[in-house]
Amino acid sequence: MEVKKKTPVNTITRDVKYLAEPTGNIYETVVLLSKRANQISLEEKKELAKKLEDFRTDRDTMDEVFENREQIEISKYYEKLPKPDLIAITEFEDGELYYRMAGKEEDPLRR
């Protein structure tokens, strides 16, 4: 998963009315952001599991667990990534999320 450099690692206080502008409703925005954050989280989890699968053995001794530097480096990399909700908010603010509301007619300017 590619992470943008401009995604903040820490939480930033945002004005709710600006987040609600694209959808017209803050609750719809929150649902949209939570669904996207879940998608990002699942992608990261699958990617991490795939990378750590190479290190899995049938018998792990305590010495092997503590001495596997590559596995530790991979885990540290994923710990330093921005949280999925921050990535979702950044994508939403940059207009990179495509969404549509069921039951509403399509607005060509909505992205």
PDB file of N, CA and C in Angstrom:
ATOM      1  N   MET A   1       0.832  -1.173   0.000  1.00  0.00           N
ATOM      2  CA  MET A   1       0.000   0.000   0.000  1.00  0.00           C
ATOM      3  C   MET A   1       0.878   1.238   0.000  1.00  0.00           C
ATOM      4  N   GLU A   2       0.579   2.134  -0.884  1.00  0.00           N
ATOM      5  CA  GLU A   2       1.353   3.362  -0.997  1.00  0.00           C
ATOM      6  C   GLU A   2       0.750   4.433  -0.095  1.00  0.00           C
ATOM      7  N   VAL A   3       1.583   5.018   0.748  1.00  0.00           N
ATOM      8  CA  VAL A   3       1.120   6.057   1.663  1.00  0.00           C
ATOM      9  C   VAL A   3       1.671   7.385   1.183  1.00  0.00           C
ATOM     10  N   LYS A   4       0.806   8.365   1.119  1.00  0.00           N
ATOM     11  CA  LYS A   4       1.217   9.692   0.693  1.00  0.00           C
ATOM     12  C   LYS A   4       2.070  10.353   1.766  1.00  0.00           C
ATOM     13  N   LYS A   5       3.010  11.160   1.335  1.00  0.00           N
ATOM     14  CA  LYS A   5       3.907  11.852   2.270  1.00  0.00           C
ATOM     15  C   LYS A   5       3.169  12.932   3.049  1.00  0.00           C
ATOM     16  N   LYS A   6       2.094  13.480   2.493  1.00  0.00           N
ATOM     17  CA  LYS A   6       1.418  14.589   3.158  1.00  0.00           C
ATOM     18  C   LYS A   6       0.374  14.143   4.180  1.00  0.00           C
ATOM     19  N   THR A   7       0.192  12.845   4.339  1.00  0.00           N
ATOM     20  CA  THR A   7      -0.750  12.354   5.346  1.00  0.00           C
ATOM     21  C   THR A   7      -0.142  12.545   6.723  1.00  0.00           C
ATOM     22  N   PRO A   8      -0.834  13.263   7.620  1.00  0.00           N
ATOM     23  CA  PRO A   8      -0.274  13.494   8.948  1.00  0.00           C
ATOM     24  C   PRO A   8      -0.276  12.220   9.785  1.00  0.00           C
ATOM     25  N   VAL A   9       0.683  12.107  10.656  1.00  0.00           N
ATOM     26  CA  VAL A   9       0.776  10.952  11.544  1.00  0.00           C
ATOM     27  C   VAL A   9      -0.028  11.210  12.817  1.00  0.00           C
ATOM     28  N   ASN A  10      -0.132  12.469  13.196  1.00  0.00           N
ATOM     29  CA  ASN A  10      -0.866  12.844  14.402  1.00  0.00           C
ATOM     30  C   ASN A  10      -2.248  13.376  14.036  1.00  0.00           C
ATOM     31  N   THR A  11      -3.115  13.396  15.008  1.00  0.00           N
ATOM     32  CA  THR A  11      -4.462  13.902  14.809  1.00  0.00           C
ATOM     33  C   THR A  11      -4.439  15.425  14.694  1.00  0.00           C
ATOM     34  N   ILE A  12      -5.220  15.933  13.757  1.00  0.00           N
ATOM     35  CA  ILE A  12      -5.337  17.367  13.535  1.00  0.00           C
ATOM     36  C   ILE A  12      -6.781  17.760  13.800  1.00  0.00           C
ATOM     37  N   THR A  13      -6.981  18.893  14.470  1.00  0.00           N
ATOM     38  CA  THR A  13      -8.329  19.386  14.703  1.00  0.00           C
ATOM     39  C   THR A  13      -8.867  19.960  13.396  1.00  0.00           C
ATOM     40  N   ARG A  14     -10.049  19.504  13.017  1.00  0.00           N
ATOM     41  CA  ARG A  14     -10.649  19.958  11.763  1.00  0.00           C
ATOM     42  C   ARG A  14     -12.000  20.585  12.042  1.00  0.00           C
ATOM     43  N   ASP A  15     -12.385  21.529  11.211  1.00  0.00           N
ATOM     44  CA  ASP A  15     -13.680  22.171  11.348  1.00  0.00           C
ATOM     45  C   ASP A  15     -14.742  21.256  10.732  1.00  0.00           C
ATOM     46  N   VAL A  16     -15.746  20.933  11.499  1.00  0.00           N
ATOM     47  CA  VAL A  16     -16.773  19.979  11.083  1.00  0.00           C
ATOM     48  C   VAL A  16     -17.553  20.487   9.874  1.00  0.00           C
ATOM     49  N   LYS A  17     -17.800  21.785   9.798  1.00  0.00           N
ATOM     50  CA  LYS A  17     -18.602  22.295   8.687  1.00  0.00           C
ATOM     51  C   LYS A  17     -17.887  22.138   7.346  1.00  0.00           C
ATOM     52  N   TYR A  18     -16.546  22.157   7.345  1.00  0.00           N
ATOM     53  CA  TYR A  18     -15.821  21.946   6.096  1.00  0.00           C
ATOM     54  C   TYR A  18     -15.835  20.473   5.682  1.00  0.00           C
ATOM     55  N   LEU A  19     -15.826  19.584   6.659  1.00  0.00           N
ATOM     56  CA  LEU A  19     -15.919  18.160   6.343  1.00  0.00           C
ATOM     57  C   LEU A  19     -17.303  17.800   5.817  1.00  0.00           C
ATOM     58  N   ALA A  20     -18.321  18.501   6.291  1.00  0.00           N
ATOM     59  CA  ALA A  20     -19.698  18.189   5.896  1.00  0.00           C
ATOM     60  C   ALA A  20     -20.084  18.808   4.552  1.00  0.00           C
ATOM     61  N   GLU A  21     -19.329  19.768   4.055  1.00  0.00           N
ATOM     62  CA  GLU A  21     -19.702  20.457   2.820  1.00  0.00           C
ATOM     63  C   GLU A  21     -19.896  19.536   1.615  1.00  0.00           C
ATOM     64  N   PRO A  22     -18.969  18.630   1.312  1.00  0.00           N
ATOM     65  CA  PRO A  22     -19.142  17.808   0.101  1.00  0.00           C
ATOM     66  C   PRO A  22     -20.389  16.921   0.117  1.00  0.00           C
ATOM     67  N   THR A  23     -20.744  16.390   1.262  1.00  0.00           N
ATOM     68  CA  THR A  23     -21.903  15.492   1.333  1.00  0.00           C
ATOM     69  C   THR A  23     -23.162  16.224   1.750  1.00  0.00           C
ATOM     70  N   GLY A  24     -23.005  17.350   2.425  1.00  0.00           N
ATOM     71  CA  GLY A  24     -24.160  18.085   2.905  1.00  0.00           C
ATOM     72  C   GLY A  24     -24.637  17.639   4.280  1.00  0.00           C
ATOM     73  N   ASN A  25     -23.996  16.627   4.835  1.00  0.00           N
ATOM     74  CA  ASN A  25     -24.421  16.086   6.120  1.00  0.00           C
ATOM     75  C   ASN A  25     -23.193  15.484   6.810  1.00  0.00           C
ATOM     76  N   ILE A  26     -22.939  15.887   8.035  1.00  0.00           N
ATOM     77  CA  ILE A  26     -21.760  15.399   8.756  1.00  0.00           C
ATOM     78  C   ILE A  26     -21.850  13.904   9.033  1.00  0.00           C
ATOM     79  N   TYR A  27     -23.056  13.399   9.233  1.00  0.00           N
ATOM     80  CA  TYR A  27     -23.215  11.974   9.527  1.00  0.00           C
ATOM     81  C   TYR A  27     -22.897  11.120   8.297  1.00  0.00           C
ATOM     82  N   GLU A  28     -23.286  11.598   7.130  1.00  0.00           N
ATOM     83  CA  GLU A  28     -22.933  10.880   5.900  1.00  0.00           C
ATOM     84  C   GLU A  28     -21.424  10.903   5.692  1.00  0.00           C
ATOM     85  N   THR A  29     -20.806  12.020   6.022  1.00  0.00           N
ATOM     86  CA  THR A  29     -19.352  12.120   5.905  1.00  0.00           C
ATOM     87  C   THR A  29     -18.661  11.137   6.840  1.00  0.00           C
ATOM     88  N   VAL A  30     -19.137  11.043   8.065  1.00  0.00           N
ATOM     89  CA  VAL A  30     -18.533  10.129   9.048  1.00  0.00           C
ATOM     90  C   VAL A  30     -18.678   8.681   8.583  1.00  0.00           C
ATOM     91  N   VAL A  31     -19.849   8.323   8.061  1.00  0.00           N
ATOM     92  CA  VAL A  31     -20.053   6.954   7.560  1.00  0.00           C
ATOM     93  C   VAL A  31     -19.117   6.686   6.383  1.00  0.00           C
ATOM     94  N   LEU A  32     -19.007   7.640   5.481  1.00  0.00           N
ATOM     95  CA  LEU A  32     -18.131   7.510   4.323  1.00  0.00           C
ATOM     96  C   LEU A  32     -16.680   7.312   4.761  1.00  0.00           C
ATOM     97  N   LEU A  33     -16.234   8.129   5.697  1.00  0.00           N
ATOM     98  CA  LEU A  33     -14.853   8.034   6.177  1.00  0.00           C
ATOM     99  C   LEU A  33     -14.596   6.730   6.928  1.00  0.00           C
ATOM    100  N   SER A  34     -15.570   6.278   7.691  1.00  0.00           N
ATOM    101  CA  SER A  34     -15.367   5.032   8.435  1.00  0.00           C
ATOM    102  C   SER A  34     -15.294   3.831   7.499  1.00  0.00           C
ATOM    103  N   LYS A  35     -16.106   3.842   6.448  1.00  0.00           N
ATOM    104  CA  LYS A  35     -16.050   2.735   5.474  1.00  0.00           C
ATOM    105  C   LYS A  35     -14.717   2.727   4.742  1.00  0.00           C
ATOM    106  N   ARG A  36     -14.233   3.896   4.365  1.00  0.00           N
ATOM    107  CA  ARG A  36     -12.944   3.961   3.676  1.00  0.00           C
ATOM    108  C   ARG A  36     -11.812   3.554   4.622  1.00  0.00           C
ATOM    109  N   ALA A  37     -11.873   3.972   5.877  1.00  0.00           N
ATOM    110  CA  ALA A  37     -10.842   3.588   6.851  1.00  0.00           C
ATOM    111  C   ALA A  37     -10.828   2.074   7.050  1.00  0.00           C
ATOM    112  N   ASN A  38     -11.991   1.448   7.056  1.00  0.00           N
ATOM    113  CA  ASN A  38     -12.056  -0.012   7.157  1.00  0.00           C
ATOM    114  C   ASN A  38     -11.419  -0.675   5.951  1.00  0.00           C
ATOM    115  N   GLN A  39     -11.656  -0.132   4.750  1.00  0.00           N
ATOM    116  CA  GLN A  39     -11.033  -0.681   3.544  1.00  0.00           C
ATOM    117  C   GLN A  39      -9.514  -0.585   3.631  1.00  0.00           C
ATOM    118  N   ILE A  40      -9.018   0.564   4.046  1.00  0.00           N
ATOM    119  CA  ILE A  40      -7.572   0.766   4.158  1.00  0.00           C
ATOM    120  C   ILE A  40      -6.985  -0.183   5.199  1.00  0.00           C
ATOM    121  N   SER A  41      -7.667  -0.331   6.320  1.00  0.00           N
ATOM    122  CA  SER A  41      -7.201  -1.218   7.379  1.00  0.00           C
ATOM    123  C   SER A  41      -7.109  -2.660   6.902  1.00  0.00           C
ATOM    124  N   LEU A  42      -8.113  -3.108   6.167  1.00  0.00           N
ATOM    125  CA  LEU A  42      -8.086  -4.477   5.638  1.00  0.00           C
ATOM    126  C   LEU A  42      -6.952  -4.669   4.640  1.00  0.00           C
ATOM    127  N   GLU A  43      -6.712  -3.675   3.791  1.00  0.00           N
ATOM    128  CA  GLU A  43      -5.610  -3.754   2.832  1.00  0.00           C
ATOM    129  C   GLU A  43      -4.269  -3.876   3.560  1.00  0.00           C
ATOM    130  N   GLU A  44      -4.077  -3.037   4.578  1.00  0.00           N
ATOM    131  CA  GLU A  44      -2.828  -3.085   5.338  1.00  0.00           C
ATOM    132  C   GLU A  44      -2.658  -4.420   6.054  1.00  0.00           C
ATOM    133  N   LYS A  45      -3.743  -4.931   6.619  1.00  0.00           N
ATOM    134  CA  LYS A  45      -3.678  -6.194   7.347  1.00  0.00           C
ATOM    135  C   LYS A  45      -3.311  -7.349   6.411  1.00  0.00           C
ATOM    136  N   LYS A  46      -3.913  -7.380   5.228  1.00  0.00           N
ATOM    137  CA  LYS A  46      -3.592  -8.426   4.255  1.00  0.00           C
ATOM    138  C   LYS A  46      -2.148  -8.330   3.799  1.00  0.00           C
ATOM    139  N   GLU A  47      -1.696  -7.110   3.544  1.00  0.00           N
ATOM    140  CA  GLU A  47      -0.327  -6.900   3.093  1.00  0.00           C
ATOM    141  C   GLU A  47       0.683  -7.318   4.158  1.00  0.00           C
ATOM    142  N   LEU A  48       0.417  -6.960   5.405  1.00  0.00           N
ATOM    143  CA  LEU A  48       1.308  -7.332   6.503  1.00  0.00           C
ATOM    144  C   LEU A  48       1.327  -8.845   6.711  1.00  0.00           C
ATOM    145  N   ALA A  49       0.163  -9.470   6.667  1.00  0.00           N
ATOM    146  CA  ALA A  49       0.091 -10.925   6.832  1.00  0.00           C
ATOM    147  C   ALA A  49       0.856 -11.642   5.725  1.00  0.00           C
ATOM    148  N   LYS A  50       0.767 -11.109   4.512  1.00  0.00           N
ATOM    149  CA  LYS A  50       1.478 -11.713   3.379  1.00  0.00           C
ATOM    150  C   LYS A  50       2.987 -11.620   3.574  1.00  0.00           C
ATOM    151  N   LYS A  51       3.456 -10.468   4.057  1.00  0.00           N
ATOM    152  CA  LYS A  51       4.896 -10.294   4.268  1.00  0.00           C
ATOM    153  C   LYS A  51       5.402 -11.135   5.433  1.00  0.00           C
ATOM    154  N   LEU A  52       4.614 -11.259   6.486  1.00  0.00           N
ATOM    155  CA  LEU A  52       5.051 -12.016   7.662  1.00  0.00           C
ATOM    156  C   LEU A  52       4.896 -13.519   7.480  1.00  0.00           C
ATOM    157  N   GLU A  53       4.159 -13.928   6.466  1.00  0.00           N
ATOM    158  CA  GLU A  53       3.958 -15.351   6.214  1.00  0.00           C
ATOM    159  C   GLU A  53       5.277 -16.046   5.872  1.00  0.00           C
ATOM    160  N   ASP A  54       6.205 -15.317   5.278  1.00  0.00           N
ATOM    161  CA  ASP A  54       7.503 -15.886   4.928  1.00  0.00           C
ATOM    162  C   ASP A  54       8.296 -16.301   6.168  1.00  0.00           C
ATOM    163  N   PHE A  55       8.026 -15.666   7.290  1.00  0.00           N
ATOM    164  CA  PHE A  55       8.780 -15.935   8.508  1.00  0.00           C
ATOM    165  C   PHE A  55       8.147 -17.025   9.363  1.00  0.00           C
ATOM    166  N   ARG A  56       6.976 -17.476   8.985  1.00  0.00           N
ATOM    167  CA  ARG A  56       6.266 -18.473   9.784  1.00  0.00           C
ATOM    168  C   ARG A  56       6.932 -19.842   9.643  1.00  0.00           C
ATOM    169  N   THR A  57       7.150 -20.478  10.787  1.00  0.00           N
ATOM    170  CA  THR A  57       7.665 -21.835  10.793  1.00  0.00           C
ATOM    171  C   THR A  57       6.779 -22.672  11.705  1.00  0.00           C
ATOM    172  N   ASP A  58       6.915 -23.996  11.587  1.00  0.00           N
ATOM    173  CA  ASP A  58       6.103 -24.880  12.416  1.00  0.00           C
ATOM    174  C   ASP A  58       6.528 -24.834  13.880  1.00  0.00           C
ATOM    175  N   ARG A  59       7.815 -24.686  14.084  1.00  0.00           N
ATOM    176  CA  ARG A  59       8.319 -24.670  15.458  1.00  0.00           C
ATOM    177  C   ARG A  59       9.098 -23.379  15.676  1.00  0.00           C
ATOM    178  N   ASP A  60       8.602 -22.542  16.518  1.00  0.00           N
ATOM    179  CA  ASP A  60       9.308 -21.318  16.883  1.00  0.00           C
ATOM    180  C   ASP A  60       9.841 -21.454  18.299  1.00  0.00           C
ATOM    181  N   THR A  61      11.120 -21.247  18.427  1.00  0.00           N
ATOM    182  CA  THR A  61      11.687 -21.200  19.765  1.00  0.00           C
ATOM    183  C   THR A  61      11.799 -19.741  20.167  1.00  0.00           C
ATOM    184  N   MET A  62      11.981 -19.484  21.423  1.00  0.00           N
ATOM    185  CA  MET A  62      12.067 -18.111  21.902  1.00  0.00           C
ATOM    186  C   MET A  62      13.267 -17.388  21.295  1.00  0.00           C
ATOM    187  N   ASP A  63      14.362 -18.088  21.044  1.00  0.00           N
ATOM    188  CA  ASP A  63      15.542 -17.466  20.456  1.00  0.00           C
ATOM    189  C   ASP A  63      15.254 -16.979  19.045  1.00  0.00           C
ATOM    190  N   GLU A  64      14.534 -17.766  18.270  1.00  0.00           N
ATOM    191  CA  GLU A  64      14.218 -17.388  16.897  1.00  0.00           C
ATOM    192  C   GLU A  64      13.284 -16.181  16.858  1.00  0.00           C
ATOM    193  N   VAL A  65      12.384 -16.099  17.776  1.00  0.00           N
ATOM    194  CA  VAL A  65      11.426 -14.998  17.795  1.00  0.00           C
ATOM    195  C   VAL A  65      12.131 -13.674  18.049  1.00  0.00           C
ATOM    196  N   PHE A  66      13.063 -13.640  18.972  1.00  0.00           N
ATOM    197  CA  PHE A  66      13.719 -12.392  19.330  1.00  0.00           C
ATOM    198  C   PHE A  66      14.830 -11.997  18.362  1.00  0.00           C
ATOM    199  N   GLU A  67      15.365 -12.921  17.598  1.00  0.00           N
ATOM    200  CA  GLU A  67      16.496 -12.619  16.743  1.00  0.00           C
ATOM    201  C   GLU A  67      16.129 -12.355  15.295  1.00  0.00           C
ATOM    202  N   ASN A  68      14.881 -12.410  14.946  1.00  0.00           N
ATOM    203  CA  ASN A  68      14.491 -12.207  13.568  1.00  0.00           C
ATOM    204  C   ASN A  68      14.356 -10.707  13.286  1.00  0.00           C
ATOM    205  N   ARG A  69      15.440 -10.084  12.839  1.00  0.00           N
ATOM    206  CA  ARG A  69      15.497  -8.636  12.628  1.00  0.00           C
ATOM    207  C   ARG A  69      14.606  -8.179  11.472  1.00  0.00           C
ATOM    208  N   GLU A  70      14.545  -8.956  10.406  1.00  0.00           N
ATOM    209  CA  GLU A  70      13.726  -8.558   9.256  1.00  0.00           C
ATOM    210  C   GLU A  70      12.253  -8.449   9.634  1.00  0.00           C
ATOM    211  N   GLN A  71      11.784  -9.384  10.399  1.00  0.00           N
ATOM    212  CA  GLN A  71      10.392  -9.379  10.837  1.00  0.00           C
ATOM    213  C   GLN A  71      10.125  -8.171  11.741  1.00  0.00           C
ATOM    214  N   ILE A  72      11.061  -7.849  12.583  1.00  0.00           N
ATOM    215  CA  ILE A  72      10.919  -6.691  13.466  1.00  0.00           C
ATOM    216  C   ILE A  72      10.880  -5.408  12.650  1.00  0.00           C
ATOM    217  N   GLU A  73      11.725  -5.300  11.631  1.00  0.00           N
ATOM    218  CA  GLU A  73      11.751  -4.099  10.790  1.00  0.00           C
ATOM    219  C   GLU A  73      10.440  -3.928  10.019  1.00  0.00           C
ATOM    220  N   ILE A  74       9.885  -5.010   9.519  1.00  0.00           N
ATOM    221  CA  ILE A  74       8.603  -4.945   8.810  1.00  0.00           C
ATOM    222  C   ILE A  74       7.506  -4.483   9.757  1.00  0.00           C
ATOM    223  N   SER A  75       7.493  -5.024  10.951  1.00  0.00           N
ATOM    224  CA  SER A  75       6.483  -4.634  11.937  1.00  0.00           C
ATOM    225  C   SER A  75       6.628  -3.166  12.332  1.00  0.00           C
ATOM    226  N   LYS A  76       7.853  -2.700  12.510  1.00  0.00           N
ATOM    227  CA  LYS A  76       8.075  -1.298  12.860  1.00  0.00           C
ATOM    228  C   LYS A  76       7.610  -0.365  11.747  1.00  0.00           C
ATOM    229  N   TYR A  77       7.819  -0.779  10.489  1.00  0.00           N
ATOM    230  CA  TYR A  77       7.382   0.039   9.365  1.00  0.00           C
ATOM    231  C   TYR A  77       5.864   0.243   9.404  1.00  0.00           C
ATOM    232  N   TYR A  78       5.130  -0.839   9.639  1.00  0.00           N
ATOM    233  CA  TYR A  78       3.673  -0.742   9.663  1.00  0.00           C
ATOM    234  C   TYR A  78       3.163   0.006  10.896  1.00  0.00           C
ATOM    235  N   GLU A  79       3.910  -0.031  11.980  1.00  0.00           N
ATOM    236  CA  GLU A  79       3.519   0.719  13.170  1.00  0.00           C
ATOM    237  C   GLU A  79       3.683   2.220  12.964  1.00  0.00           C
ATOM    238  N   LYS A  80       4.639   2.614  12.136  1.00  0.00           N
ATOM    239  CA  LYS A  80       4.902   4.030  11.892  1.00  0.00           C
ATOM    240  C   LYS A  80       3.968   4.641  10.845  1.00  0.00           C
ATOM    241  N   LEU A  81       3.261   3.826  10.108  1.00  0.00           N
ATOM    242  CA  LEU A  81       2.341   4.352   9.101  1.00  0.00           C
ATOM    243  C   LEU A  81       1.215   5.146   9.758  1.00  0.00           C
ATOM    244  N   PRO A  82       0.677   6.130   9.041  1.00  0.00           N
ATOM    245  CA  PRO A  82      -0.486   6.848   9.583  1.00  0.00           C
ATOM    246  C   PRO A  82      -1.662   5.901   9.751  1.00  0.00           C
ATOM    247  N   LYS A  83      -2.499   6.199  10.704  1.00  0.00           N
ATOM    248  CA  LYS A  83      -3.672   5.363  10.961  1.00  0.00           C
ATOM    249  C   LYS A  83      -4.642   5.451   9.780  1.00  0.00           C
ATOM    250  N   PRO A  84      -5.398   4.377   9.547  1.00  0.00           N
ATOM    251  CA  PRO A  84      -6.318   4.356   8.396  1.00  0.00           C
ATOM    252  C   PRO A  84      -7.327   5.495   8.384  1.00  0.00           C
ATOM    253  N   ASP A  85      -7.789   5.923   9.551  1.00  0.00           N
ATOM    254  CA  ASP A  85      -8.762   7.017   9.557  1.00  0.00           C
ATOM    255  C   ASP A  85      -8.127   8.335   9.115  1.00  0.00           C
ATOM    256  N   LEU A  86      -6.862   8.557   9.438  1.00  0.00           N
ATOM    257  CA  LEU A  86      -6.183   9.766   8.982  1.00  0.00           C
ATOM    258  C   LEU A  86      -5.952   9.741   7.473  1.00  0.00           C
ATOM    259  N   ILE A  87      -5.642   8.575   6.946  1.00  0.00           N
ATOM    260  CA  ILE A  87      -5.475   8.439   5.494  1.00  0.00           C
ATOM    261  C   ILE A  87      -6.805   8.699   4.796  1.00  0.00           C
ATOM    262  N   ALA A  88      -7.891   8.157   5.342  1.00  0.00           N
ATOM    263  CA  ALA A  88      -9.218   8.353   4.748  1.00  0.00           C
ATOM    264  C   ALA A  88      -9.620   9.824   4.755  1.00  0.00           C
ATOM    265  N   ILE A  89      -9.362  10.518   5.848  1.00  0.00           N
ATOM    266  CA  ILE A  89      -9.699  11.943   5.921  1.00  0.00           C
ATOM    267  C   ILE A  89      -8.877  12.746   4.916  1.00  0.00           C
ATOM    268  N   THR A  90      -7.603  12.424   4.784  1.00  0.00           N
ATOM    269  CA  THR A  90      -6.752  13.115   3.820  1.00  0.00           C
ATOM    270  C   THR A  90      -7.249  12.892   2.397  1.00  0.00           C
ATOM    271  N   GLU A  91      -7.606  11.651   2.066  1.00  0.00           N
ATOM    272  CA  GLU A  91      -8.148  11.367   0.734  1.00  0.00           C
ATOM    273  C   GLU A  91      -9.448  12.133   0.498  1.00  0.00           C
ATOM    274  N   PHE A  92     -10.287  12.211   1.506  1.00  0.00           N
ATOM    275  CA  PHE A  92     -11.565  12.920   1.389  1.00  0.00           C
ATOM    276  C   PHE A  92     -11.339  14.415   1.169  1.00  0.00           C
ATOM    277  N   GLU A  93     -10.431  15.000   1.939  1.00  0.00           N
ATOM    278  CA  GLU A  93     -10.146  16.429   1.809  1.00  0.00           C
ATOM    279  C   GLU A  93      -9.512  16.766   0.468  1.00  0.00           C
ATOM    280  N   ASP A  94      -8.729  15.846  -0.083  1.00  0.00           N
ATOM    281  CA  ASP A  94      -8.074  16.081  -1.370  1.00  0.00           C
ATOM    282  C   ASP A  94      -8.980  15.758  -2.556  1.00  0.00           C
ATOM    283  N   GLY A  95     -10.194  15.271  -2.290  1.00  0.00           N
ATOM    284  CA  GLY A  95     -11.129  14.953  -3.361  1.00  0.00           C
ATOM    285  C   GLY A  95     -10.786  13.682  -4.112  1.00  0.00           C
ATOM    286  N   GLU A  96     -10.085  12.755  -3.476  1.00  0.00           N
ATOM    287  CA  GLU A  96      -9.664  11.520  -4.121  1.00  0.00           C
ATOM    288  C   GLU A  96     -10.655  10.377  -3.923  1.00  0.00           C
ATOM    289  N   LEU A  97     -11.693  10.581  -3.119  1.00  0.00           N
ATOM    290  CA  LEU A  97     -12.675   9.529  -2.868  1.00  0.00           C
ATOM    291  C   LEU A  97     -13.863   9.705  -3.799  1.00  0.00           C
ATOM    292  N   TYR A  98     -14.242   8.621  -4.434  1.00  0.00           N
ATOM    293  CA  TYR A  98     -15.466   8.627  -5.229  1.00  0.00           C
ATOM    294  C   TYR A  98     -16.538   7.956  -4.384  1.00  0.00           C
ATOM    295  N   TYR A  99     -17.675   8.601  -4.291  1.00  0.00           N
ATOM    296  CA  TYR A  99     -18.771   8.033  -3.526  1.00  0.00           C
ATOM    297  C   TYR A  99     -20.081   8.451  -4.169  1.00  0.00           C
ATOM    298  N   ARG A 100     -21.098   7.666  -3.885  1.00  0.00           N
ATOM    299  CA  ARG A 100     -22.450   8.013  -4.334  1.00  0.00           C
ATOM    300  C   ARG A 100     -23.412   7.536  -3.271  1.00  0.00           C
ATOM    301  N   MET A 101     -24.469   8.281  -3.127  1.00  0.00           N
ATOM    302  CA  MET A 101     -25.473   7.953  -2.133  1.00  0.00           C
ATOM    303  C   MET A 101     -26.609   7.194  -2.808  1.00  0.00           C
ATOM    304  N   ALA A 102     -26.986   6.082  -2.246  1.00  0.00           N
ATOM    305  CA  ALA A 102     -28.063   5.279  -2.811  1.00  0.00           C
ATOM    306  C   ALA A 102     -29.375   6.054  -2.720  1.00  0.00           C
ATOM    307  N   GLY A 103     -30.133   6.018  -3.793  1.00  0.00           N
ATOM    308  CA  GLY A 103     -31.434   6.668  -3.803  1.00  0.00           C
ATOM    309  C   GLY A 103     -31.399   8.129  -4.202  1.00  0.00           C
ATOM    310  N   LYS A 104     -30.224   8.675  -4.435  1.00  0.00           N
ATOM    311  CA  LYS A 104     -30.110  10.066  -4.868  1.00  0.00           C
ATOM    312  C   LYS A 104     -29.625  10.089  -6.306  1.00  0.00           C
ATOM    313  N   GLU A 105     -30.077  11.103  -7.053  1.00  0.00           N
ATOM    314  CA  GLU A 105     -29.623  11.183  -8.434  1.00  0.00           C
ATOM    315  C   GLU A 105     -28.170  11.632  -8.461  1.00  0.00           C
ATOM    316  N   GLU A 106     -27.487  11.225  -9.497  1.00  0.00           N
ATOM    317  CA  GLU A 106     -26.056  11.450  -9.619  1.00  0.00           C
ATOM    318  C   GLU A 106     -25.759  12.906  -9.922  1.00  0.00           C
ATOM    319  N   ASP A 107     -24.879  13.516  -9.147  1.00  0.00           N
ATOM    320  CA  ASP A 107     -24.426  14.872  -9.369  1.00  0.00           C
ATOM    321  C   ASP A 107     -23.049  14.788 -10.031  1.00  0.00           C
ATOM    322  N   PRO A 108     -22.882  15.343 -11.238  1.00  0.00           N
ATOM    323  CA  PRO A 108     -21.598  15.198 -11.938  1.00  0.00           C
ATOM    324  C   PRO A 108     -20.430  15.870 -11.214  1.00  0.00           C
ATOM    325  N   LEU A 109     -20.698  16.824 -10.336  1.00  0.00           N
ATOM    326  CA  LEU A 109     -19.628  17.504  -9.620  1.00  0.00           C
ATOM    327  C   LEU A 109     -19.220  16.769  -8.347  1.00  0.00           C
ATOM    328  N   ARG A 110     -20.013  15.833  -7.906  1.00  0.00           N
ATOM    329  CA  ARG A 110     -19.723  15.114  -6.668  1.00  0.00           C
ATOM    330  C   ARG A 110     -18.626  14.095  -6.914  1.00  0.00           C
ATOM    331  N   ARG A 111     -17.600  14.186  -6.152  1.00  0.00           N
ATOM    332  CA  ARG A 111     -16.485  13.226  -6.202  1.00  0.00           C
ATOM    333  C   ARG A 111     -16.028  12.969  -4.825  1.00  0.00           C
TER     334      ARG A 111
END
